[in-house]
C-alpha atoms as a PDB file:
ATOM      1  CA  MET A   1       5.050  57.258 -31.161  1.00  0.00           C
ATOM      2  CA  THR A   2       6.546  57.435 -27.664  1.00  0.00           C
ATOM      3  CA  PHE A   3       9.529  55.361 -26.479  1.00  0.00           C
ATOM      4  CA  THR A   4      10.120  54.727 -22.779  1.00  0.00           C
ATOM      5  CA  GLU A   5      12.865  53.060 -20.785  1.00  0.00           C
ATOM      6  CA  LYS A   6      11.685  50.952 -17.851  1.00  0.00           C
ATOM      7  CA  PRO A   7      13.691  48.708 -15.489  1.00  0.00           C
ATOM      8  CA  ASP A   8      13.132  45.626 -17.676  1.00  0.00           C
ATOM      9  CA  GLY A   9      13.810  47.253 -21.061  1.00  0.00           C
ATOM     10  CA  PHE A  10      12.530  49.681 -23.672  1.00  0.00           C
ATOM     11  CA  TYR A  11       8.883  50.037 -24.697  1.00  0.00           C
ATOM     12  CA  TYR A  12       6.931  52.011 -27.242  1.00  0.00           C
ATOM     13  CA  THR A  13       3.341  53.184 -26.962  1.00  0.00           C
ATOM     14  CA  GLY A  14       1.268  51.405 -29.577  1.00  0.00           C
ATOM     15  CA  GLU A  15      -1.634  52.697 -31.612  1.00  0.00           C
ATOM     16  CA  PHE A  16      -4.147  51.431 -29.037  1.00  0.00           C
ATOM     17  CA  GLY A  17      -2.329  53.205 -26.188  1.00  0.00           C
ATOM     18  CA  SER A  18      -0.726  50.125 -24.687  1.00  0.00           C
ATOM     19  CA  ASP A  19       2.985  49.669 -24.023  1.00  0.00           C
ATOM     20  CA  VAL A  20       4.641  47.199 -26.392  1.00  0.00           C
ATOM     21  CA  GLY A  21       7.850  45.514 -25.226  1.00  0.00           C
ATOM     22  CA  PRO A  22      10.190  44.976 -23.511  1.00  0.00           C
ATOM     23  CA  PHE A  23      13.042  45.309 -25.989  1.00  0.00           C
ATOM     24  CA  ALA A  24      16.741  45.061 -25.105  1.00  0.00           C
ATOM     25  CA  THR A  25      17.646  48.414 -26.667  1.00  0.00           C
ATOM     26  CA  GLU A  26      15.880  51.543 -27.800  1.00  0.00           C
ATOM     27  CA  ARG A  27      16.965  50.715 -31.369  1.00  0.00           C
ATOM     28  CA  ASP A  28      15.185  47.330 -31.089  1.00  0.00           C
ATOM     29  CA  ALA A  29      12.020  49.116 -29.940  1.00  0.00           C
ATOM     30  CA  ILE A  30      12.228  51.574 -32.837  1.00  0.00           C
ATOM     31  CA  ASN A  31      12.737  48.756 -35.344  1.00  0.00           C
ATOM     32  CA  ALA A  32       9.806  46.789 -33.914  1.00  0.00           C
ATOM     33  CA  ALA A  33       7.570  49.859 -34.113  1.00  0.00           C
ATOM     34  CA  ARG A  34       8.442  50.258 -37.805  1.00  0.00           C
ATOM     35  CA  THR A  35       8.182  46.582 -38.760  1.00  0.00           C
ATOM     36  CA  ARG A  36       4.920  45.285 -40.183  1.00  0.00           C
ATOM     37  CA  TYR A  37       3.663  41.748 -39.614  1.00  0.00           C
ATOM     38  CA  ASP A  38       1.465  39.071 -41.142  1.00  0.00           C
ATOM     39  CA  VAL A  39      -0.762  36.964 -38.899  1.00  0.00           C
ATOM     40  CA  VAL A  40      -0.557  33.383 -40.146  1.00  0.00           C
ATOM     41  CA  ARG A  41      -2.563  30.275 -39.256  1.00  0.00           C
ATOM     42  CA  PHE A  42      -0.230  27.333 -38.700  1.00  0.00           C
ATOM     43  CA  TYR A  43      -1.317  23.689 -38.631  1.00  0.00           C
ATOM     44  CA  ARG A  44       0.324  20.759 -36.844  1.00  0.00           C
ATOM     45  CA  ASP A  45       0.017  18.674 -39.999  1.00  0.00           C
ATOM     46  CA  ALA A  46       2.895  19.889 -42.178  1.00  0.00           C
ATOM     47  CA  LEU A  47       0.988  18.882 -45.303  1.00  0.00           C
ATOM     48  CA  ILE A  48      -1.656  21.550 -44.634  1.00  0.00           C
ATOM     49  CA  ARG A  49      -0.523  24.832 -46.100  1.00  0.00           C
ATOM     50  CA  ARG A  50      -0.414  27.726 -43.663  1.00  0.00           C
ATOM     51  CA  ARG A  51      -2.758  30.601 -44.373  1.00  0.00           C
ATOM     52  CA  THR A  52      -2.330  34.376 -43.965  1.00  0.00           C
ATOM     53  CA  ILE A  53      -5.147  35.708 -41.767  1.00  0.00           C
ATOM     54  CA  LEU A  54      -4.106  39.397 -41.584  1.00  0.00           C
ATOM     55  CA  SER A  55      -1.485  41.261 -43.623  1.00  0.00           C
ATOM     56  CA  ASN A  56       0.688  44.287 -42.952  1.00  0.00           C
ATOM     57  CA  VAL A  57      -0.373  44.910 -39.343  1.00  0.00           C
ATOM     58  CA  SER A  58       1.558  46.449 -36.459  1.00  0.00           C
ATOM     59  CA  LEU A  59       3.182  44.351 -33.739  1.00  0.00           C
ATOM     60  CA  GLU A  60       0.498  45.520 -31.334  1.00  0.00           C
ATOM     61  CA  GLN A  61      -2.299  44.438 -33.707  1.00  0.00           C
ATOM     62  CA  ALA A  62      -0.645  41.054 -34.303  1.00  0.00           C
ATOM     63  CA  GLN A  63      -0.176  40.431 -30.577  1.00  0.00           C
ATOM     64  CA  LYS A  64      -3.743  41.510 -29.824  1.00  0.00           C
ATOM     65  CA  HIS A  65      -5.113  39.102 -32.446  1.00  0.00           C
ATOM     66  CA  CYS A  66      -2.993  36.187 -31.239  1.00  0.00           C
ATOM     67  CA  ALA A  67      -3.918  36.790 -27.579  1.00  0.00           C
ATOM     68  CA  ASN A  68      -7.562  35.975 -28.376  1.00  0.00           C
ATOM     69  CA  PRO A  69      -8.421  32.437 -27.158  1.00  0.00           C
ATOM     70  CA  GLU A  70     -10.286  31.813 -30.427  1.00  0.00           C
ATOM     71  CA  THR A  71      -6.973  31.843 -32.340  1.00  0.00           C
ATOM     72  CA  SER A  72      -5.787  28.412 -31.159  1.00  0.00           C
ATOM     73  CA  SER A  73      -7.346  24.978 -31.377  1.00  0.00           C
ATOM     74  CA  SER A  74      -6.369  24.314 -27.750  1.00  0.00           C
ATOM     75  CA  THR A  75      -8.401  27.244 -26.362  1.00  0.00           C
ATOM     76  CA  ALA A  76     -11.074  28.064 -28.973  1.00  0.00           C
ATOM     77  CA  THR A  77     -14.680  27.272 -28.081  1.00  0.00           C
ATOM     78  CA  SER A  78     -16.680  28.608 -31.055  1.00  0.00           C
ATOM     79  CA  SER A  79     -18.460  26.091 -33.255  1.00  0.00           C
ATOM     80  CA  THR A  80     -16.471  27.306 -36.276  1.00  0.00           C
ATOM     81  CA  ALA A  81     -13.123  26.762 -34.522  1.00  0.00           C
ATOM     82  CA  ARG A  82     -14.152  23.350 -33.178  1.00  0.00           C
ATOM     83  CA  ALA A  83     -15.270  22.278 -36.664  1.00  0.00           C
ATOM     84  CA  ARG A  84     -11.934  23.468 -38.108  1.00  0.00           C
ATOM     85  CA  THR A  85     -10.078  21.411 -35.485  1.00  0.00           C
ATOM     86  CA  ARG A  86     -12.133  18.286 -36.277  1.00  0.00           C
ATOM     87  CA  ARG A  87     -11.466  18.742 -39.999  1.00  0.00           C
ATOM     88  CA  LEU A  88      -7.803  19.808 -39.940  1.00  0.00           C
ATOM     89  CA  GLY A  89      -6.348  18.914 -36.556  1.00  0.00           C
ATOM     90  CA  ALA A  90      -4.426  21.223 -34.219  1.00  0.00           C
ATOM     91  CA  TRP A  91      -3.759  24.811 -35.359  1.00  0.00           C
ATOM     92  CA  PHE A  92      -2.851  28.250 -33.987  1.00  0.00           C
ATOM     93  CA  ASP A  93      -2.440  31.809 -35.247  1.00  0.00           C
ATOM     94  CA  GLY A  94       1.045  33.337 -34.961  1.00  0.00           C
ATOM     95  CA  TYR A  95       2.794  36.280 -36.569  1.00  0.00           C
ATOM     96  CA  GLU A  96       5.939  36.907 -38.554  1.00  0.00           C
ATOM     97  CA  GLY A  97       7.696  40.039 -39.747  1.00  0.00           C
ATOM     98  CA  ARG A  98       7.306  41.067 -43.365  1.00  0.00           C
END
């Protein structure tokens, strides 16, 4: 893994070749590169239990997943996502460190 300092902070090169960051310090970048994440589906209705979509992924993988428009009720257009929104209300996929 490669770490780079740029004017706005530190970055590391992710597994897909993209720069991940910025981070305030090189240590923050190193820690982020080592940390694994779970992608979780959150619902506006607090009574609906959140659901783990992906487990033990890199920050780059989590960010790539969550950047997809189909991972939020406000931007998804697929029939599956629209049906989920009708059934369960507003939702989005986010990520959290393990």
